[in-house]
């Protein structure tokens, strides 16, 4: 249910959504670089 809400929310084009996608991309990159060093 939460995933459907998120998908329907991402379909709406707004500046906040583009910023949110940017934050998600940055977060994924940070996790990819930090997690291997954490272990």
N, C-alpha and C. Protein backbone atom coordinates (compact mmCIF):
# COMPACT_ATOMS: atom_id res chain seq x y z
N UNK A 1 0.84 -1.20 0.00
CA UNK A 1 0.00 0.00 0.00
C UNK A 1 0.88 1.25 0.00
N UNK A 2 1.92 1.22 0.80
CA UNK A 2 2.82 2.38 0.84
C UNK A 2 3.52 2.54 -0.50
N UNK A 3 3.89 1.40 -1.12
CA UNK A 3 4.57 1.47 -2.41
C UNK A 3 3.65 2.07 -3.47
N UNK A 4 2.38 1.68 -3.45
CA UNK A 4 1.43 2.23 -4.42
C UNK A 4 1.27 3.73 -4.21
N UNK A 5 1.21 4.15 -2.96
CA UNK A 5 1.11 5.58 -2.66
C UNK A 5 2.34 6.32 -3.19
N UNK A 6 3.50 5.73 -2.99
CA UNK A 6 4.72 6.39 -3.45
C UNK A 6 4.76 6.47 -4.96
N UNK A 7 4.36 5.38 -5.63
CA UNK A 7 4.37 5.38 -7.10
C UNK A 7 3.39 6.41 -7.65
N UNK A 8 2.20 6.45 -7.09
CA UNK A 8 1.21 7.43 -7.56
C UNK A 8 1.69 8.84 -7.28
N UNK A 9 2.42 9.02 -6.18
CA UNK A 9 2.95 10.34 -5.85
C UNK A 9 4.06 10.74 -6.81
N UNK A 10 4.90 9.76 -7.19
CA UNK A 10 6.01 10.06 -8.09
C UNK A 10 5.52 10.35 -9.50
N UNK A 11 4.32 9.87 -9.84
CA UNK A 11 3.79 10.12 -11.20
C UNK A 11 3.45 11.59 -11.38
N UNK A 12 3.11 12.26 -10.30
CA UNK A 12 2.76 13.68 -10.41
C UNK A 12 4.04 14.48 -10.60
N UNK A 13 4.06 15.31 -11.64
CA UNK A 13 5.26 16.10 -11.93
C UNK A 13 5.24 17.38 -11.11
N UNK A 14 6.20 17.49 -10.22
CA UNK A 14 6.32 18.70 -9.42
C UNK A 14 7.79 18.88 -9.03
N UNK A 15 8.21 20.08 -8.71
CA UNK A 15 9.61 20.30 -8.34
C UNK A 15 10.04 19.43 -7.16
N UNK A 16 9.11 19.20 -6.23
CA UNK A 16 9.46 18.38 -5.06
C UNK A 16 9.82 16.96 -5.47
N UNK A 17 9.11 16.43 -6.47
CA UNK A 17 9.37 15.06 -6.91
C UNK A 17 10.76 14.97 -7.53
N UNK A 18 11.13 15.96 -8.33
CA UNK A 18 12.46 15.93 -8.95
C UNK A 18 13.54 16.02 -7.88
N UNK A 19 13.32 16.86 -6.86
CA UNK A 19 14.27 16.95 -5.76
C UNK A 19 14.32 15.63 -5.01
N UNK A 20 13.16 15.00 -4.83
CA UNK A 20 13.11 13.73 -4.11
C UNK A 20 13.90 12.67 -4.85
N UNK A 21 13.75 12.62 -6.17
CA UNK A 21 14.51 11.64 -6.96
C UNK A 21 16.00 11.90 -6.85
N UNK A 22 16.38 13.18 -6.81
CA UNK A 22 17.79 13.52 -6.67
C UNK A 22 18.31 13.06 -5.31
N UNK A 23 17.52 13.30 -4.26
CA UNK A 23 17.93 12.87 -2.93
C UNK A 23 18.06 11.35 -2.86
N UNK A 24 17.13 10.63 -3.51
CA UNK A 24 17.19 9.16 -3.50
C UNK A 24 18.45 8.69 -4.21
N UNK A 25 18.80 9.32 -5.33
CA UNK A 25 20.00 8.93 -6.07
C UNK A 25 21.25 9.18 -5.22
N UNK A 26 21.31 10.35 -4.58
CA UNK A 26 22.46 10.67 -3.73
C UNK A 26 22.54 9.70 -2.56
N UNK A 27 21.38 9.39 -1.97
CA UNK A 27 21.36 8.46 -0.83
C UNK A 27 21.88 7.09 -1.24
N UNK A 28 21.47 6.62 -2.44
CA UNK A 28 21.93 5.31 -2.91
C UNK A 28 23.44 5.32 -3.10
N UNK A 29 23.97 6.41 -3.67
CA UNK A 29 25.41 6.48 -3.89
C UNK A 29 26.15 6.49 -2.55
N UNK A 30 25.64 7.26 -1.59
CA UNK A 30 26.30 7.33 -0.28
C UNK A 30 26.29 5.96 0.38
N UNK A 31 25.16 5.26 0.31
CA UNK A 31 25.07 3.93 0.91
C UNK A 31 26.03 2.98 0.22
N UNK A 32 26.12 3.06 -1.10
CA UNK A 32 27.02 2.16 -1.84
C UNK A 32 28.47 2.38 -1.43
N UNK A 33 28.85 3.62 -1.12
CA UNK A 33 30.24 3.89 -0.77
C UNK A 33 30.52 3.67 0.71
N UNK A 34 29.52 3.87 1.57
CA UNK A 34 29.78 3.79 3.01
C UNK A 34 29.64 2.36 3.54
N UNK A 35 28.64 1.63 3.04
CA UNK A 35 28.37 0.29 3.57
C UNK A 35 29.57 -0.64 3.44
N UNK A 36 30.27 -0.71 2.29
CA UNK A 36 31.44 -1.61 2.22
C UNK A 36 32.52 -1.26 3.24
N UNK A 37 32.70 0.04 3.52
CA UNK A 37 33.73 0.43 4.48
C UNK A 37 33.27 0.20 5.91
N UNK A 38 31.97 0.16 6.13
CA UNK A 38 31.46 -0.07 7.48
C UNK A 38 31.80 -1.49 7.93
N UNK A 39 31.84 -2.41 6.96
CA UNK A 39 32.20 -3.78 7.30
C UNK A 39 33.69 -3.98 7.08
